[in-house]
Amino acid sequence: MNRLINLGRRRLGAAAIGTLVALGTVFAVPSPAQAESRDCLYSAGHYEAAGSYIVAYNFLSCEGGDVPLHLSIQRYLSPGVWETVASGRGETTYYCGGSDYNVYRTTGTAQFPILCS
């Protein structure tokens, strides 16, 4: 649990530079890779800072350490069409440019609007 708290503090500290908008989901799930007596917390979401970047995260946080999971950040292009602009394992960042308003989505979260500056 302390690892999850430290992970949250690290993310919050990085976002303190700009405006923090956090959306995410955290709930406990048993992990088949762990011993029977251990539980893991699933954590997925994103935050954005001053409209200049989006950071997405997707982890299983267990007593033995964090397990990074695959994730992506996608930009809306047209109905039913999404472009993957960043992907990775555990955490990834997308730096948006220009001055466009657009809609994005990340693994484990609903779509959200952002104005790049």
N, C-alpha and C. Protein backbone atom coordinates (compact mmCIF):
# COMPACT_ATOMS: atom_id res chain seq x y z
N MET A 1 0.82 -1.19 0.00
CA MET A 1 0.00 0.00 0.00
C MET A 1 0.87 1.25 0.00
N ASN A 2 2.02 1.21 0.71
CA ASN A 2 2.91 2.37 0.72
C ASN A 2 3.43 2.67 -0.68
N ARG A 3 3.67 1.61 -1.48
CA ARG A 3 4.15 1.83 -2.85
C ARG A 3 3.10 2.60 -3.66
N LEU A 4 1.81 2.26 -3.46
CA LEU A 4 0.74 2.95 -4.17
C LEU A 4 0.67 4.41 -3.74
N ILE A 5 0.82 4.68 -2.45
CA ILE A 5 0.81 6.06 -1.95
C ILE A 5 1.98 6.82 -2.52
N ASN A 6 3.18 6.23 -2.50
CA ASN A 6 4.36 6.90 -3.06
C ASN A 6 4.21 7.14 -4.55
N LEU A 7 3.63 6.17 -5.26
CA LEU A 7 3.38 6.32 -6.70
C LEU A 7 2.44 7.49 -6.95
N GLY A 8 1.39 7.60 -6.12
CA GLY A 8 0.45 8.71 -6.26
C GLY A 8 1.10 10.05 -5.97
N ARG A 9 1.95 10.11 -4.96
CA ARG A 9 2.65 11.36 -4.64
C ARG A 9 3.58 11.77 -5.77
N ARG A 10 4.25 10.80 -6.38
CA ARG A 10 5.16 11.09 -7.49
C ARG A 10 4.39 11.68 -8.67
N ARG A 11 3.24 11.10 -8.98
CA ARG A 11 2.44 11.61 -10.09
C ARG A 11 1.88 13.00 -9.78
N LEU A 12 1.40 13.19 -8.56
CA LEU A 12 0.84 14.48 -8.19
C LEU A 12 1.91 15.56 -8.21
N GLY A 13 3.11 15.24 -7.76
CA GLY A 13 4.21 16.21 -7.78
C GLY A 13 4.56 16.63 -9.19
N ALA A 14 4.53 15.69 -10.14
CA ALA A 14 4.84 16.01 -11.53
C ALA A 14 3.77 16.91 -12.13
N ALA A 15 2.55 16.75 -11.70
CA ALA A 15 1.45 17.52 -12.26
C ALA A 15 1.28 18.89 -11.61
N ALA A 16 1.96 19.14 -10.50
CA ALA A 16 1.81 20.41 -9.79
C ALA A 16 2.31 21.59 -10.59
N ILE A 17 3.07 21.36 -11.65
CA ILE A 17 3.60 22.42 -12.49
C ILE A 17 2.47 23.15 -13.21
N GLY A 18 1.49 22.45 -13.65
CA GLY A 18 0.39 23.05 -14.40
C GLY A 18 -0.94 22.75 -13.74
N THR A 19 -1.98 22.92 -14.48
CA THR A 19 -3.32 22.62 -13.98
C THR A 19 -3.51 21.11 -13.97
N LEU A 20 -3.98 20.59 -12.87
CA LEU A 20 -4.12 19.14 -12.72
C LEU A 20 -5.58 18.76 -12.89
N VAL A 21 -5.80 17.88 -13.84
CA VAL A 21 -7.13 17.30 -14.02
C VAL A 21 -6.94 15.80 -13.99
N ALA A 22 -7.41 15.16 -12.97
CA ALA A 22 -7.17 13.71 -12.83
C ALA A 22 -8.48 12.96 -12.95
N LEU A 23 -8.47 11.95 -13.82
CA LEU A 23 -9.60 11.05 -13.95
C LEU A 23 -9.04 9.64 -13.90
N GLY A 24 -9.60 8.81 -13.12
CA GLY A 24 -9.07 7.45 -13.08
C GLY A 24 -9.93 6.52 -12.27
N THR A 25 -9.54 5.28 -12.26
CA THR A 25 -10.26 4.26 -11.56
C THR A 25 -9.27 3.44 -10.74
N VAL A 26 -9.62 3.20 -9.49
CA VAL A 26 -8.78 2.36 -8.65
C VAL A 26 -9.71 1.38 -7.94
N PHE A 27 -9.43 0.08 -8.06
CA PHE A 27 -10.18 -0.90 -7.32
C PHE A 27 -9.31 -2.13 -7.10
N ALA A 28 -9.67 -2.93 -6.10
CA ALA A 28 -8.86 -4.09 -5.75
C ALA A 28 -9.28 -5.29 -6.58
N VAL A 29 -8.29 -6.00 -7.09
CA VAL A 29 -8.53 -7.24 -7.82
C VAL A 29 -7.48 -8.25 -7.39
N PRO A 30 -7.86 -9.49 -7.27
CA PRO A 30 -6.84 -10.49 -6.98
C PRO A 30 -6.01 -10.75 -8.23
N SER A 31 -4.73 -10.85 -8.06
CA SER A 31 -3.83 -11.10 -9.19
C SER A 31 -3.44 -12.57 -9.21
N PRO A 32 -3.66 -13.26 -10.33
CA PRO A 32 -3.31 -14.68 -10.38
C PRO A 32 -1.81 -14.92 -10.25
N ALA A 33 -0.98 -13.94 -10.57
CA ALA A 33 0.47 -14.10 -10.50
C ALA A 33 0.98 -13.97 -9.07
N GLN A 34 0.15 -13.52 -8.17
CA GLN A 34 0.56 -13.31 -6.78
C GLN A 34 0.13 -14.49 -5.93
N ALA A 35 0.70 -14.60 -4.73
CA ALA A 35 0.29 -15.63 -3.78
C ALA A 35 -1.17 -15.42 -3.41
N GLU A 36 -1.82 -16.47 -2.95
CA GLU A 36 -3.25 -16.40 -2.65
C GLU A 36 -3.60 -15.32 -1.64
N SER A 37 -2.72 -15.03 -0.69
CA SER A 37 -3.04 -14.07 0.37
C SER A 37 -2.82 -12.62 -0.05
N ARG A 38 -2.32 -12.36 -1.25
CA ARG A 38 -2.03 -10.99 -1.68
C ARG A 38 -3.11 -10.47 -2.63
N ASP A 39 -3.41 -9.20 -2.48
CA ASP A 39 -4.32 -8.51 -3.38
C ASP A 39 -3.55 -7.41 -4.08
N CYS A 40 -4.04 -7.04 -5.24
CA CYS A 40 -3.42 -5.96 -6.00
C CYS A 40 -4.47 -4.89 -6.25
N LEU A 41 -4.02 -3.67 -6.45
CA LEU A 41 -4.89 -2.57 -6.82
C LEU A 41 -4.66 -2.23 -8.28
N TYR A 42 -5.74 -2.15 -9.04
CA TYR A 42 -5.66 -1.75 -10.44
C TYR A 42 -5.82 -0.23 -10.49
N SER A 43 -4.92 0.43 -11.18
CA SER A 43 -4.94 1.88 -11.27
C SER A 43 -4.74 2.29 -12.72
N ALA A 44 -5.75 2.96 -13.28
CA ALA A 44 -5.66 3.45 -14.65
C ALA A 44 -6.28 4.84 -14.70
N GLY A 45 -5.70 5.72 -15.48
CA GLY A 45 -6.25 7.06 -15.61
C GLY A 45 -5.32 7.97 -16.37
N HIS A 46 -5.54 9.24 -16.23
CA HIS A 46 -4.69 10.23 -16.90
C HIS A 46 -4.75 11.55 -16.13
N TYR A 47 -3.79 12.40 -16.42
CA TYR A 47 -3.86 13.79 -15.99
C TYR A 47 -3.24 14.64 -17.08
N GLU A 48 -3.60 15.89 -17.08
CA GLU A 48 -3.11 16.82 -18.10
C GLU A 48 -2.65 18.09 -17.41
N ALA A 49 -1.67 18.76 -17.98
CA ALA A 49 -1.13 19.96 -17.36
C ALA A 49 -1.21 21.13 -18.33
N ALA A 50 -1.99 22.13 -17.97
CA ALA A 50 -2.09 23.39 -18.70
C ALA A 50 -2.31 23.19 -20.19
N GLY A 51 -2.96 22.10 -20.57
CA GLY A 51 -3.27 21.88 -21.98
C GLY A 51 -2.06 21.61 -22.85
N SER A 52 -0.91 21.30 -22.27
CA SER A 52 0.27 21.09 -23.10
C SER A 52 0.69 19.63 -23.19
N TYR A 53 0.29 18.80 -22.24
CA TYR A 53 0.60 17.38 -22.34
C TYR A 53 -0.42 16.55 -21.58
N ILE A 54 -0.48 15.27 -21.95
CA ILE A 54 -1.35 14.30 -21.30
C ILE A 54 -0.46 13.15 -20.84
N VAL A 55 -0.62 12.75 -19.59
CA VAL A 55 0.10 11.59 -19.06
C VAL A 55 -0.95 10.54 -18.72
N ALA A 56 -0.79 9.34 -19.27
CA ALA A 56 -1.70 8.23 -18.97
C ALA A 56 -0.93 7.17 -18.19
N TYR A 57 -1.62 6.48 -17.30
CA TYR A 57 -0.99 5.42 -16.53
C TYR A 57 -1.91 4.22 -16.41
N ASN A 58 -1.31 3.02 -16.28
CA ASN A 58 -2.06 1.78 -16.19
C ASN A 58 -1.18 0.76 -15.45
N PHE A 59 -1.50 0.47 -14.19
CA PHE A 59 -0.67 -0.39 -13.34
C PHE A 59 -1.53 -1.37 -12.54
N LEU A 60 -0.92 -2.46 -12.15
CA LEU A 60 -1.37 -3.28 -11.03
C LEU A 60 -0.35 -3.02 -9.94
N SER A 61 -0.77 -2.50 -8.81
CA SER A 61 0.14 -2.24 -7.69
C SER A 61 -0.06 -3.34 -6.65
N CYS A 62 0.98 -4.15 -6.47
CA CYS A 62 0.92 -5.29 -5.57
C CYS A 62 1.98 -5.12 -4.48
N GLU A 63 1.88 -5.94 -3.44
CA GLU A 63 2.85 -5.87 -2.35
C GLU A 63 4.27 -6.09 -2.84
N GLY A 64 4.45 -6.94 -3.83
CA GLY A 64 5.78 -7.24 -4.35
C GLY A 64 6.31 -6.20 -5.32
N GLY A 65 5.51 -5.22 -5.69
CA GLY A 65 5.93 -4.18 -6.63
C GLY A 65 4.85 -3.88 -7.65
N ASP A 66 5.10 -2.88 -8.46
CA ASP A 66 4.15 -2.47 -9.49
C ASP A 66 4.32 -3.32 -10.74
N VAL A 67 3.21 -3.64 -11.37
CA VAL A 67 3.21 -4.38 -12.63
C VAL A 67 2.68 -3.43 -13.71
N PRO A 68 3.55 -2.93 -14.61
CA PRO A 68 3.08 -2.03 -15.65
C PRO A 68 2.27 -2.79 -16.71
N LEU A 69 1.15 -2.22 -17.11
CA LEU A 69 0.27 -2.81 -18.12
C LEU A 69 0.28 -1.95 -19.38
N HIS A 70 -0.07 -2.55 -20.51
CA HIS A 70 -0.10 -1.82 -21.78
C HIS A 70 -1.16 -0.71 -21.72
N LEU A 71 -0.86 0.42 -22.37
CA LEU A 71 -1.81 1.52 -22.46
C LEU A 71 -1.54 2.34 -23.70
N SER A 72 -2.52 3.17 -24.04
CA SER A 72 -2.35 4.07 -25.18
C SER A 72 -3.14 5.35 -24.94
N ILE A 73 -2.74 6.40 -25.66
CA ILE A 73 -3.48 7.66 -25.71
C ILE A 73 -3.92 7.80 -27.16
N GLN A 74 -5.22 8.02 -27.36
CA GLN A 74 -5.76 8.13 -28.71
C GLN A 74 -6.47 9.46 -28.91
N ARG A 75 -6.32 10.01 -30.14
CA ARG A 75 -6.95 11.28 -30.51
C ARG A 75 -8.12 10.98 -31.45
N TYR A 76 -9.25 11.64 -31.21
CA TYR A 76 -10.44 11.50 -32.05
C TYR A 76 -10.21 12.18 -33.39
N LEU A 77 -10.49 11.46 -34.49
CA LEU A 77 -10.37 12.04 -35.83
C LEU A 77 -11.73 12.25 -36.49
N SER A 78 -12.60 11.26 -36.44
CA SER A 78 -13.94 11.35 -36.99
C SER A 78 -14.77 10.24 -36.36
N PRO A 79 -16.09 10.23 -36.57
CA PRO A 79 -16.91 9.20 -35.91
C PRO A 79 -16.36 7.79 -36.14
N GLY A 80 -16.03 7.13 -35.05
CA GLY A 80 -15.52 5.77 -35.10
C GLY A 80 -14.04 5.64 -35.44
N VAL A 81 -13.34 6.77 -35.64
CA VAL A 81 -11.93 6.73 -36.03
C VAL A 81 -11.08 7.42 -34.96
N TRP A 82 -10.14 6.67 -34.38
CA TRP A 82 -9.22 7.18 -33.36
C TRP A 82 -7.80 6.91 -33.81
N GLU A 83 -6.91 7.87 -33.61
CA GLU A 83 -5.50 7.73 -33.94
C GLU A 83 -4.70 7.56 -32.65
N THR A 84 -3.87 6.52 -32.57
CA THR A 84 -3.01 6.33 -31.41
C THR A 84 -1.83 7.29 -31.53
N VAL A 85 -1.70 8.19 -30.54
CA VAL A 85 -0.63 9.20 -30.58
C VAL A 85 0.50 8.86 -29.61
N ALA A 86 0.26 7.96 -28.66
CA ALA A 86 1.31 7.51 -27.73
C ALA A 86 0.87 6.17 -27.15
N SER A 87 1.85 5.31 -26.88
CA SER A 87 1.55 4.04 -26.24
C SER A 87 2.77 3.58 -25.46
N GLY A 88 2.56 2.63 -24.58
CA GLY A 88 3.66 2.12 -23.78
C GLY A 88 3.17 1.15 -22.73
N ARG A 89 3.98 0.96 -21.71
CA ARG A 89 3.65 0.08 -20.59
C ARG A 89 3.82 0.87 -19.29
N GLY A 90 2.78 0.87 -18.48
CA GLY A 90 2.84 1.54 -17.18
C GLY A 90 2.47 3.01 -17.23
N GLU A 91 3.23 3.79 -17.99
CA GLU A 91 2.99 5.23 -18.08
C GLU A 91 3.52 5.76 -19.41
N THR A 92 2.79 6.66 -20.03
CA THR A 92 3.24 7.27 -21.27
C THR A 92 2.75 8.72 -21.33
N THR A 93 3.46 9.55 -22.09
CA THR A 93 3.13 10.97 -22.19
C THR A 93 2.96 11.37 -23.64
N TYR A 94 1.97 12.23 -23.91
CA TYR A 94 1.76 12.80 -25.24
C TYR A 94 1.82 14.32 -25.10
N TYR A 95 2.73 14.94 -25.84
CA TYR A 95 2.86 16.40 -25.87
C TYR A 95 2.09 16.91 -27.08
N CYS A 96 0.99 17.61 -26.82
CA CYS A 96 0.20 18.11 -27.94
C CYS A 96 0.71 19.50 -28.32
N GLY A 97 0.59 19.82 -29.59
CA GLY A 97 1.08 21.10 -30.08
C GLY A 97 -0.01 21.88 -30.79
N GLY A 98 0.32 23.08 -31.18
CA GLY A 98 -0.65 23.92 -31.87
C GLY A 98 -1.63 24.55 -30.92
N SER A 99 -2.77 24.96 -31.44
CA SER A 99 -3.80 25.57 -30.60
C SER A 99 -5.15 24.94 -30.91
N ASP A 100 -5.16 23.65 -31.13
CA ASP A 100 -6.38 22.94 -31.49
C ASP A 100 -7.10 22.37 -30.28
N TYR A 101 -8.40 22.41 -30.37
CA TYR A 101 -9.25 21.72 -29.40
C TYR A 101 -9.48 20.32 -29.96
N ASN A 102 -9.33 19.30 -29.14
CA ASN A 102 -9.57 17.94 -29.60
C ASN A 102 -10.05 17.08 -28.45
N VAL A 103 -10.48 15.88 -28.79
CA VAL A 103 -10.96 14.92 -27.80
C VAL A 103 -10.00 13.74 -27.81
N TYR A 104 -9.65 13.26 -26.62
CA TYR A 104 -8.71 12.15 -26.46
C TYR A 104 -9.34 11.09 -25.56
N ARG A 105 -8.76 9.91 -25.58
CA ARG A 105 -9.12 8.86 -24.63
C ARG A 105 -7.86 8.08 -24.31
N THR A 106 -7.84 7.49 -23.11
CA THR A 106 -6.72 6.66 -22.70
C THR A 106 -7.26 5.32 -22.23
N THR A 107 -6.39 4.34 -22.14
CA THR A 107 -6.77 3.01 -21.68
C THR A 107 -7.39 3.11 -20.29
N GLY A 108 -8.59 2.59 -20.13
CA GLY A 108 -9.23 2.56 -18.81
C GLY A 108 -9.99 3.82 -18.44
N THR A 109 -10.09 4.82 -19.32
CA THR A 109 -10.82 6.04 -18.97
C THR A 109 -11.79 6.42 -20.11
N ALA A 110 -12.70 7.30 -19.79
CA ALA A 110 -13.62 7.83 -20.79
C ALA A 110 -12.93 8.91 -21.61
N GLN A 111 -13.52 9.26 -22.74
CA GLN A 111 -12.93 10.33 -23.56
C GLN A 111 -13.03 11.68 -22.85
N PHE A 112 -12.11 12.59 -23.19
CA PHE A 112 -12.06 13.90 -22.53
C PHE A 112 -11.55 14.94 -23.54
N PRO A 113 -12.05 16.19 -23.43
CA PRO A 113 -11.60 17.25 -24.33
C PRO A 113 -10.37 17.96 -23.74
N ILE A 114 -9.54 18.52 -24.63
CA ILE A 114 -8.39 19.30 -24.18
C ILE A 114 -8.08 20.36 -25.25
N LEU A 115 -7.70 21.54 -24.82
CA LEU A 115 -7.27 22.61 -25.71
C LEU A 115 -5.76 22.71 -25.59
N CYS A 116 -5.07 22.39 -26.67
CA CYS A 116 -3.59 22.47 -26.67
C CYS A 116 -3.16 23.91 -26.81
N SER A 117 -2.07 24.23 -26.15
CA SER A 117 -1.58 25.61 -26.26
C SER A 117 -0.08 25.61 -26.49
